[in-house]
Amino acid sequence: MDFHERMQKAIERGQRTGDARARAEAEKALTEEELKRLHSQYRLEVSETIEQCLAELPKRFPGFQFETLFGDRGWGAAVTRNDVNMAAGRREELFSRLEMTVRPYSKLTVLELSGKGTIKNKEVFNRTHYQRIPEVDTASFISTIDNWVLEFAELFASKDGARSFL
């Protein structure tokens, strides 16, 4: 094989490599779009569950204010309550909040649930639950949301005579 034939074969190999790289990048772009679509689908289901569960707290504990959260920090909901404690002639403001959000899509390709609970000025938990998008089991997210809300309700009810309306 002479130099010209080897040159032609080298050019053909280079073109095949370039074509293969272009196909791989196109497949990756499709995969990225599919991951974004799945994240959006799961986010909707999980954030609806968050809203439904957190909306129960103001019904059980009057004084909590419900708000829907959305934006660059994620989608979800929060309940907030401010109480005043008058003890020994002092006025003390007590802040309680439960917030849960599904974080926006990121290069990590995970569905991430974050929850933060504060009762009477004390943080009681700050947690994250996540799974890789291709492996997401929404039932585990729904169970986690239920558990976090129930734990918060139990802890809130146990603090200094907080009463629930059944």
N, C-alpha and C. Protein backbone atom coordinates (compact mmCIF):
# COMPACT_ATOMS: atom_id res chain seq x y z
N MET A 1 0.86 -1.15 0.00
CA MET A 1 0.00 0.00 0.00
C MET A 1 0.92 1.23 0.00
N ASP A 2 0.66 2.12 -0.94
CA ASP A 2 1.51 3.30 -1.02
C ASP A 2 0.98 4.43 -0.14
N PHE A 3 1.72 5.50 -0.11
CA PHE A 3 1.40 6.63 0.76
C PHE A 3 0.02 7.20 0.46
N HIS A 4 -0.35 7.34 -0.80
CA HIS A 4 -1.64 7.94 -1.18
C HIS A 4 -2.81 7.09 -0.69
N GLU A 5 -2.68 5.78 -0.78
CA GLU A 5 -3.74 4.88 -0.29
C GLU A 5 -3.86 4.98 1.23
N ARG A 6 -2.73 5.01 1.92
CA ARG A 6 -2.75 5.14 3.38
C ARG A 6 -3.34 6.48 3.79
N MET A 7 -3.01 7.54 3.03
CA MET A 7 -3.58 8.87 3.31
C MET A 7 -5.10 8.82 3.16
N GLN A 8 -5.59 8.21 2.09
CA GLN A 8 -7.03 8.11 1.85
C GLN A 8 -7.71 7.33 2.97
N LYS A 9 -7.13 6.24 3.42
CA LYS A 9 -7.69 5.43 4.51
C LYS A 9 -7.69 6.23 5.82
N ALA A 10 -6.62 6.99 6.08
CA ALA A 10 -6.57 7.81 7.29
C ALA A 10 -7.67 8.86 7.27
N ILE A 11 -7.91 9.47 6.12
CA ILE A 11 -8.97 10.47 5.99
C ILE A 11 -10.33 9.82 6.23
N GLU A 12 -10.54 8.65 5.66
CA GLU A 12 -11.82 7.94 5.85
C GLU A 12 -12.04 7.57 7.31
N ARG A 13 -10.97 7.09 7.99
CA ARG A 13 -11.08 6.79 9.42
C ARG A 13 -11.44 8.03 10.21
N GLY A 14 -10.79 9.14 9.90
CA GLY A 14 -11.08 10.40 10.58
C GLY A 14 -12.52 10.82 10.37
N GLN A 15 -13.02 10.66 9.16
CA GLN A 15 -14.42 11.02 8.87
C GLN A 15 -15.38 10.12 9.63
N ARG A 16 -15.09 8.81 9.68
CA ARG A 16 -15.94 7.89 10.43
C ARG A 16 -15.94 8.24 11.91
N THR A 17 -14.75 8.58 12.44
CA THR A 17 -14.66 8.97 13.85
C THR A 17 -15.47 10.23 14.10
N GLY A 18 -15.36 11.20 13.21
CA GLY A 18 -16.14 12.44 13.34
C GLY A 18 -17.63 12.19 13.26
N ASP A 19 -18.04 11.31 12.33
CA ASP A 19 -19.45 10.98 12.20
C ASP A 19 -19.95 10.27 13.46
N ALA A 20 -19.15 9.34 13.98
CA ALA A 20 -19.55 8.62 15.20
C ALA A 20 -19.67 9.59 16.37
N ARG A 21 -18.75 10.53 16.48
CA ARG A 21 -18.80 11.52 17.56
C ARG A 21 -20.06 12.39 17.41
N ALA A 22 -20.37 12.80 16.21
CA ALA A 22 -21.57 13.62 15.98
C ALA A 22 -22.84 12.85 16.34
N ARG A 23 -22.89 11.56 15.97
CA ARG A 23 -24.06 10.73 16.33
C ARG A 23 -24.16 10.58 17.85
N ALA A 24 -23.03 10.36 18.53
CA ALA A 24 -23.04 10.22 19.99
C ALA A 24 -23.51 11.50 20.66
N GLU A 25 -23.06 12.64 20.14
CA GLU A 25 -23.50 13.92 20.71
C GLU A 25 -24.99 14.13 20.47
N ALA A 26 -25.49 13.74 19.29
CA ALA A 26 -26.92 13.86 19.01
C ALA A 26 -27.73 12.96 19.93
N GLU A 27 -27.25 11.73 20.16
CA GLU A 27 -27.93 10.83 21.08
C GLU A 27 -27.90 11.37 22.51
N LYS A 28 -26.78 11.96 22.90
CA LYS A 28 -26.67 12.54 24.23
C LYS A 28 -27.64 13.70 24.39
N ALA A 29 -27.78 14.53 23.35
CA ALA A 29 -28.71 15.65 23.40
C ALA A 29 -30.13 15.14 23.55
N LEU A 30 -30.47 14.09 22.83
CA LEU A 30 -31.81 13.51 22.97
C LEU A 30 -31.99 12.96 24.38
N THR A 31 -30.97 12.32 24.90
CA THR A 31 -31.04 11.78 26.24
C THR A 31 -31.21 12.91 27.26
N GLU A 32 -30.49 13.99 27.07
CA GLU A 32 -30.61 15.15 27.97
C GLU A 32 -32.03 15.71 27.94
N GLU A 33 -32.60 15.80 26.74
CA GLU A 33 -33.98 16.29 26.62
C GLU A 33 -34.95 15.31 27.29
N GLU A 34 -34.71 14.04 27.13
CA GLU A 34 -35.56 13.03 27.77
C GLU A 34 -35.45 13.13 29.29
N LEU A 35 -34.25 13.32 29.80
CA LEU A 35 -34.06 13.46 31.24
C LEU A 35 -34.79 14.69 31.77
N LYS A 36 -34.73 15.79 31.04
CA LYS A 36 -35.44 17.00 31.44
C LYS A 36 -36.95 16.77 31.44
N ARG A 37 -37.43 16.06 30.42
CA ARG A 37 -38.86 15.77 30.35
C ARG A 37 -39.31 14.90 31.52
N LEU A 38 -38.53 13.88 31.83
CA LEU A 38 -38.85 13.01 32.97
C LEU A 38 -38.80 13.78 34.28
N HIS A 39 -37.79 14.64 34.45
CA HIS A 39 -37.70 15.45 35.66
C HIS A 39 -38.95 16.30 35.82
N SER A 40 -39.38 16.92 34.74
CA SER A 40 -40.57 17.77 34.79
C SER A 40 -41.81 16.95 35.15
N GLN A 41 -41.94 15.78 34.58
CA GLN A 41 -43.07 14.90 34.87
C GLN A 41 -43.08 14.50 36.35
N TYR A 42 -41.94 14.06 36.85
CA TYR A 42 -41.84 13.65 38.25
C TYR A 42 -42.03 14.84 39.19
N ARG A 43 -41.46 15.98 38.81
CA ARG A 43 -41.59 17.19 39.63
C ARG A 43 -43.06 17.57 39.83
N LEU A 44 -43.84 17.48 38.77
CA LEU A 44 -45.26 17.80 38.87
C LEU A 44 -45.97 16.88 39.87
N GLU A 45 -45.72 15.60 39.75
CA GLU A 45 -46.38 14.63 40.63
C GLU A 45 -45.95 14.83 42.09
N VAL A 46 -44.67 15.01 42.31
CA VAL A 46 -44.16 15.15 43.67
C VAL A 46 -44.60 16.49 44.28
N SER A 47 -44.55 17.57 43.51
CA SER A 47 -44.94 18.88 44.06
C SER A 47 -46.44 18.93 44.37
N GLU A 48 -47.26 18.23 43.61
CA GLU A 48 -48.69 18.14 43.93
C GLU A 48 -48.90 17.43 45.26
N THR A 49 -48.15 16.39 45.49
CA THR A 49 -48.24 15.66 46.76
C THR A 49 -47.80 16.56 47.92
N ILE A 50 -46.74 17.32 47.71
CA ILE A 50 -46.28 18.25 48.75
C ILE A 50 -47.40 19.22 49.10
N GLU A 51 -48.02 19.81 48.09
CA GLU A 51 -49.09 20.78 48.33
C GLU A 51 -50.27 20.14 49.08
N GLN A 52 -50.66 18.95 48.67
CA GLN A 52 -51.79 18.27 49.32
C GLN A 52 -51.48 17.98 50.79
N CYS A 53 -50.31 17.48 51.06
CA CYS A 53 -49.96 17.12 52.44
C CYS A 53 -49.81 18.36 53.33
N LEU A 54 -49.10 19.37 52.83
CA LEU A 54 -48.89 20.56 53.65
C LEU A 54 -50.19 21.35 53.85
N ALA A 55 -51.11 21.26 52.92
CA ALA A 55 -52.39 21.97 53.07
C ALA A 55 -53.20 21.43 54.25
N GLU A 56 -52.88 20.24 54.72
CA GLU A 56 -53.58 19.66 55.87
C GLU A 56 -53.17 20.32 57.18
N LEU A 57 -51.96 20.82 57.29
CA LEU A 57 -51.48 21.39 58.56
C LEU A 57 -52.30 22.59 59.02
N PRO A 58 -52.62 23.57 58.16
CA PRO A 58 -53.45 24.69 58.63
C PRO A 58 -54.85 24.25 59.07
N LYS A 59 -55.34 23.16 58.52
CA LYS A 59 -56.65 22.64 58.93
C LYS A 59 -56.57 22.05 60.34
N ARG A 60 -55.44 21.47 60.67
CA ARG A 60 -55.26 20.81 61.97
C ARG A 60 -54.71 21.76 63.03
N PHE A 61 -53.90 22.71 62.62
CA PHE A 61 -53.29 23.66 63.54
C PHE A 61 -53.59 25.08 63.04
N PRO A 62 -54.69 25.67 63.50
CA PRO A 62 -55.02 27.02 63.04
C PRO A 62 -53.87 27.98 63.35
N GLY A 63 -53.68 28.92 62.47
CA GLY A 63 -52.60 29.88 62.61
C GLY A 63 -51.52 29.66 61.57
N PHE A 64 -51.41 28.48 61.02
CA PHE A 64 -50.46 28.23 59.95
C PHE A 64 -50.99 28.85 58.66
N GLN A 65 -50.10 29.47 57.93
CA GLN A 65 -50.42 30.04 56.63
C GLN A 65 -49.76 29.18 55.56
N PHE A 66 -50.53 28.80 54.55
CA PHE A 66 -50.03 27.95 53.46
C PHE A 66 -49.58 28.84 52.31
N GLU A 67 -48.48 28.46 51.68
CA GLU A 67 -48.05 29.16 50.47
C GLU A 67 -47.44 28.17 49.49
N THR A 68 -47.71 28.40 48.21
CA THR A 68 -47.11 27.60 47.15
C THR A 68 -45.78 28.24 46.80
N LEU A 69 -44.77 27.41 46.61
CA LEU A 69 -43.43 27.89 46.27
C LEU A 69 -43.08 27.47 44.85
N PHE A 70 -42.49 28.38 44.10
CA PHE A 70 -41.97 28.06 42.78
C PHE A 70 -40.94 29.10 42.41
N GLY A 71 -39.98 28.68 41.63
CA GLY A 71 -38.94 29.61 41.21
C GLY A 71 -37.60 28.92 41.10
N ASP A 72 -36.54 29.71 41.22
CA ASP A 72 -35.20 29.17 41.01
C ASP A 72 -34.76 28.21 42.11
N ARG A 73 -35.43 28.23 43.27
CA ARG A 73 -35.09 27.28 44.35
C ARG A 73 -35.86 25.97 44.22
N GLY A 74 -36.90 25.95 43.40
CA GLY A 74 -37.66 24.74 43.20
C GLY A 74 -39.16 24.98 43.27
N TRP A 75 -39.91 23.86 43.30
CA TRP A 75 -41.36 23.90 43.33
C TRP A 75 -41.83 23.09 44.53
N GLY A 76 -42.83 23.62 45.21
CA GLY A 76 -43.34 22.92 46.37
C GLY A 76 -44.28 23.81 47.15
N ALA A 77 -44.19 23.72 48.49
CA ALA A 77 -45.07 24.49 49.35
C ALA A 77 -44.43 24.67 50.71
N ALA A 78 -45.03 25.58 51.47
CA ALA A 78 -44.56 25.83 52.84
C ALA A 78 -45.76 26.24 53.68
N VAL A 79 -45.67 25.96 54.97
CA VAL A 79 -46.62 26.47 55.95
C VAL A 79 -45.81 27.21 57.00
N THR A 80 -46.34 28.35 57.43
CA THR A 80 -45.62 29.21 58.37
C THR A 80 -46.58 29.67 59.46
N ARG A 81 -46.05 29.80 60.65
CA ARG A 81 -46.86 30.27 61.77
C ARG A 81 -45.97 31.08 62.71
N ASN A 82 -46.50 32.21 63.18
CA ASN A 82 -45.81 33.04 64.16
C ASN A 82 -46.66 33.08 65.41
N ASP A 83 -46.06 32.73 66.53
CA ASP A 83 -46.74 32.77 67.82
C ASP A 83 -46.01 33.75 68.73
N VAL A 84 -46.72 34.20 69.76
CA VAL A 84 -46.13 35.08 70.75
C VAL A 84 -46.27 34.41 72.11
N ASN A 85 -45.18 34.38 72.85
CA ASN A 85 -45.19 33.80 74.19
C ASN A 85 -44.92 34.93 75.17
N MET A 86 -45.85 35.12 76.09
CA MET A 86 -45.69 36.15 77.13
C MET A 86 -45.38 35.44 78.43
N ALA A 87 -44.12 35.41 78.78
CA ALA A 87 -43.70 34.73 80.01
C ALA A 87 -42.82 35.67 80.82
N ALA A 88 -43.09 35.75 82.09
CA ALA A 88 -42.29 36.57 83.02
C ALA A 88 -42.17 38.01 82.53
N GLY A 89 -43.27 38.51 81.98
CA GLY A 89 -43.28 39.90 81.52
C GLY A 89 -42.47 40.15 80.26
N ARG A 90 -42.03 39.09 79.61
CA ARG A 90 -41.26 39.24 78.38
C ARG A 90 -42.09 38.76 77.20
N ARG A 91 -41.87 39.41 76.09
CA ARG A 91 -42.54 39.01 74.85
C ARG A 91 -41.53 38.25 73.98
N GLU A 92 -41.90 37.04 73.62
CA GLU A 92 -41.02 36.21 72.79
C GLU A 92 -41.80 35.77 71.55
N GLU A 93 -41.24 36.06 70.39
CA GLU A 93 -41.87 35.64 69.14
C GLU A 93 -41.33 34.27 68.76
N LEU A 94 -42.26 33.37 68.43
CA LEU A 94 -41.90 31.99 68.10
C LEU A 94 -42.30 31.70 66.66
N PHE A 95 -41.35 31.29 65.87
CA PHE A 95 -41.53 31.07 64.44
C PHE A 95 -41.52 29.56 64.16
N SER A 96 -42.54 29.10 63.40
CA SER A 96 -42.58 27.70 62.98
C SER A 96 -42.81 27.66 61.47
N ARG A 97 -42.12 26.74 60.80
CA ARG A 97 -42.25 26.65 59.34
C ARG A 97 -41.87 25.25 58.89
N LEU A 98 -42.62 24.75 57.93
CA LEU A 98 -42.26 23.52 57.23
C LEU A 98 -42.27 23.85 55.75
N GLU A 99 -41.15 23.59 55.10
CA GLU A 99 -41.01 23.89 53.68
C GLU A 99 -40.48 22.65 52.97
N MET A 100 -41.11 22.32 51.84
CA MET A 100 -40.63 21.21 51.01
C MET A 100 -40.65 21.65 49.56
N THR A 101 -39.55 21.35 48.87
CA THR A 101 -39.45 21.70 47.46
C THR A 101 -38.78 20.60 46.67
N VAL A 102 -39.12 20.56 45.39
CA VAL A 102 -38.41 19.72 44.42
C VAL A 102 -37.47 20.67 43.70
N ARG A 103 -36.19 20.38 43.76
CA ARG A 103 -35.18 21.25 43.17
C ARG A 103 -35.26 21.23 41.65
N PRO A 104 -34.84 22.32 41.00
CA PRO A 104 -34.84 22.35 39.53
C PRO A 104 -33.87 21.32 38.95
N TYR A 105 -34.07 21.01 37.68
CA TYR A 105 -33.20 20.09 36.96
C TYR A 105 -31.77 20.64 36.96
N SER A 106 -30.81 19.75 37.12
CA SER A 106 -29.40 20.15 37.07
C SER A 106 -28.60 19.08 36.34
N LYS A 107 -27.36 19.37 36.11
CA LYS A 107 -26.45 18.43 35.43
C LYS A 107 -26.26 17.14 36.21
N LEU A 108 -26.63 17.14 37.49
CA LEU A 108 -26.50 15.92 38.30
C LEU A 108 -27.52 14.87 37.89
N THR A 109 -28.51 15.25 37.13
CA THR A 109 -29.60 14.38 36.65
C THR A 109 -30.23 13.56 37.77
N VAL A 110 -30.63 14.26 38.83
CA VAL A 110 -31.34 13.63 39.94
C VAL A 110 -32.65 14.37 40.18
N LEU A 111 -33.62 13.66 40.74
CA LEU A 111 -34.81 14.29 41.26
C LEU A 111 -34.55 14.46 42.74
N GLU A 112 -34.57 15.71 43.21
CA GLU A 112 -34.17 16.00 44.59
C GLU A 112 -35.30 16.69 45.34
N LEU A 113 -35.66 16.11 46.47
CA LEU A 113 -36.66 16.67 47.38
C LEU A 113 -35.92 17.22 48.58
N SER A 114 -36.22 18.46 48.94
CA SER A 114 -35.59 19.01 50.13
C SER A 114 -36.67 19.46 51.09
N GLY A 115 -36.43 19.24 52.38
CA GLY A 115 -37.38 19.62 53.40
C GLY A 115 -36.68 20.24 54.59
N LYS A 116 -37.31 21.27 55.12
CA LYS A 116 -36.73 21.94 56.28
C LYS A 116 -37.87 22.27 57.24
N GLY A 117 -37.72 21.86 58.49
CA GLY A 117 -38.73 22.10 59.51
C GLY A 117 -38.17 22.88 60.68
N THR A 118 -38.90 23.91 61.09
CA THR A 118 -38.54 24.72 62.25
C THR A 118 -39.77 24.82 63.13
N ILE A 119 -39.61 24.55 64.41
CA ILE A 119 -40.71 24.66 65.36
C ILE A 119 -40.27 25.54 66.51
N LYS A 120 -41.01 26.61 66.70
CA LYS A 120 -40.76 27.56 67.79
C LYS A 120 -39.28 27.95 67.86
N ASN A 121 -38.80 28.45 66.74
CA ASN A 121 -37.44 28.98 66.59
C ASN A 121 -36.33 27.93 66.61
N LYS A 122 -36.67 26.67 66.59
CA LYS A 122 -35.65 25.62 66.61
C LYS A 122 -35.79 24.74 65.36
N GLU A 123 -34.69 24.60 64.65
CA GLU A 123 -34.72 23.73 63.47
C GLU A 123 -34.82 22.28 63.94
N VAL A 124 -35.84 21.58 63.46
CA VAL A 124 -36.03 20.19 63.88
C VAL A 124 -35.53 19.21 62.83
N PHE A 125 -35.49 19.64 61.58
CA PHE A 125 -34.83 18.83 60.55
C PHE A 125 -34.54 19.66 59.30
N ASN A 126 -33.54 19.19 58.59
CA ASN A 126 -33.14 19.77 57.31
C ASN A 126 -32.64 18.59 56.48
N ARG A 127 -33.48 18.13 55.56
CA ARG A 127 -33.20 16.86 54.89
C ARG A 127 -33.30 16.97 53.37
N THR A 128 -32.68 15.99 52.75
CA THR A 128 -32.74 15.85 51.30
C THR A 128 -32.97 14.38 50.96
N HIS A 129 -33.82 14.16 49.98
CA HIS A 129 -34.04 12.81 49.46
C HIS A 129 -33.91 12.92 47.94
N TYR A 130 -33.09 12.07 47.34
CA TYR A 130 -32.92 12.16 45.90
C TYR A 130 -32.69 10.79 45.29
N GLN A 131 -32.98 10.72 43.99
CA GLN A 131 -32.71 9.52 43.20
C GLN A 131 -32.32 9.98 41.80
N ARG A 132 -31.49 9.16 41.15
CA ARG A 132 -31.15 9.45 39.75
C ARG A 132 -32.42 9.37 38.92
N ILE A 133 -32.57 10.27 37.97
CA ILE A 133 -33.81 10.37 37.21
C ILE A 133 -34.20 9.06 36.54
N PRO A 134 -33.28 8.34 35.89
CA PRO A 134 -33.72 7.09 35.26
C PRO A 134 -34.23 6.04 36.26
N GLU A 135 -33.89 6.19 37.54
CA GLU A 135 -34.24 5.19 38.55
C GLU A 135 -35.31 5.68 39.52
N VAL A 136 -35.97 6.80 39.22
CA VAL A 136 -36.91 7.41 40.16
C VAL A 136 -38.09 6.48 40.43
N ASP A 137 -38.38 6.35 41.72
CA ASP A 137 -39.57 5.65 42.20
C ASP A 137 -40.41 6.71 42.93
N THR A 138 -41.44 7.23 42.26
CA THR A 138 -42.21 8.32 42.86
C THR A 138 -42.89 7.89 44.16
N ALA A 139 -43.17 6.61 44.31
CA ALA A 139 -43.79 6.13 45.56
C ALA A 139 -42.87 6.40 46.75
N SER A 140 -41.56 6.29 46.57
CA SER A 140 -40.65 6.56 47.68
C SER A 140 -40.64 8.05 48.03
N PHE A 141 -40.80 8.90 47.03
CA PHE A 141 -40.88 10.34 47.30
C PHE A 141 -42.18 10.67 48.04
N ILE A 142 -43.28 10.08 47.62
CA ILE A 142 -44.57 10.32 48.27
C ILE A 142 -44.54 9.83 49.71
N SER A 143 -43.95 8.68 49.93
CA SER A 143 -43.80 8.14 51.29
C SER A 143 -42.93 9.06 52.15
N THR A 144 -41.85 9.56 51.59
CA THR A 144 -40.96 10.47 52.31
C THR A 144 -41.69 11.75 52.70
N ILE A 145 -42.45 12.31 51.77
CA ILE A 145 -43.22 13.53 52.05
C ILE A 145 -44.20 13.27 53.19
N ASP A 146 -44.95 12.18 53.08
CA ASP A 146 -45.90 11.82 54.14
C ASP A 146 -45.19 11.73 55.50
N ASN A 147 -44.07 11.02 55.53
CA ASN A 147 -43.34 10.83 56.80
C ASN A 147 -42.85 12.15 57.37
N TRP A 148 -42.30 13.03 56.52
CA TRP A 148 -41.80 14.30 57.02
C TRP A 148 -42.92 15.18 57.57
N VAL A 149 -44.07 15.20 56.87
CA VAL A 149 -45.19 16.01 57.35
C VAL A 149 -45.74 15.44 58.65
N LEU A 150 -45.88 14.13 58.73
CA LEU A 150 -46.38 13.51 59.97
C LEU A 150 -45.41 13.74 61.13
N GLU A 151 -44.12 13.64 60.87
CA GLU A 151 -43.13 13.89 61.92
C GLU A 151 -43.22 15.34 62.41
N PHE A 152 -43.34 16.28 61.47
CA PHE A 152 -43.46 17.69 61.85
C PHE A 152 -44.71 17.92 62.69
N ALA A 153 -45.84 17.34 62.26
CA ALA A 153 -47.10 17.51 63.01
C ALA A 153 -46.97 16.95 64.42
N GLU A 154 -46.36 15.79 64.54
CA GLU A 154 -46.19 15.19 65.87
C GLU A 154 -45.29 16.05 66.75
N LEU A 155 -44.18 16.52 66.19
CA LEU A 155 -43.28 17.37 66.96
C LEU A 155 -43.94 18.70 67.34
N PHE A 156 -44.69 19.28 66.41
CA PHE A 156 -45.35 20.55 66.72
C PHE A 156 -46.39 20.36 67.82
N ALA A 157 -47.15 19.27 67.74
CA ALA A 157 -48.19 19.00 68.74
C ALA A 157 -47.57 18.75 70.12
N SER A 158 -46.37 18.25 70.15
CA SER A 158 -45.73 17.93 71.43
C SER A 158 -45.12 19.17 72.11
N LYS A 159 -44.96 20.25 71.39
CA LYS A 159 -44.31 21.44 71.95
C LYS A 159 -45.29 22.31 72.70
N ASP A 160 -45.07 22.45 73.98
CA ASP A 160 -45.76 23.42 74.84
C ASP A 160 -47.25 23.59 74.57
N GLY A 161 -47.95 22.52 74.49
CA GLY A 161 -49.40 22.59 74.44
C GLY A 161 -49.99 23.03 73.12
N ALA A 162 -49.27 22.87 72.01
CA ALA A 162 -49.87 23.18 70.72
C ALA A 162 -51.04 22.23 70.51
N ARG A 163 -52.19 22.77 70.22
CA ARG A 163 -53.39 21.95 70.10
C ARG A 163 -53.84 21.84 68.64
N SER A 164 -54.33 20.68 68.33
CA SER A 164 -54.83 20.40 67.00
C SER A 164 -56.36 20.41 67.01
N PHE A 165 -56.93 20.82 65.88
CA PHE A 165 -58.37 20.69 65.69
C PHE A 165 -58.60 19.54 64.76
N LEU A 166 -59.27 18.52 65.26
CA LEU A 166 -59.51 17.32 64.47
C LEU A 166 -60.62 17.56 63.56
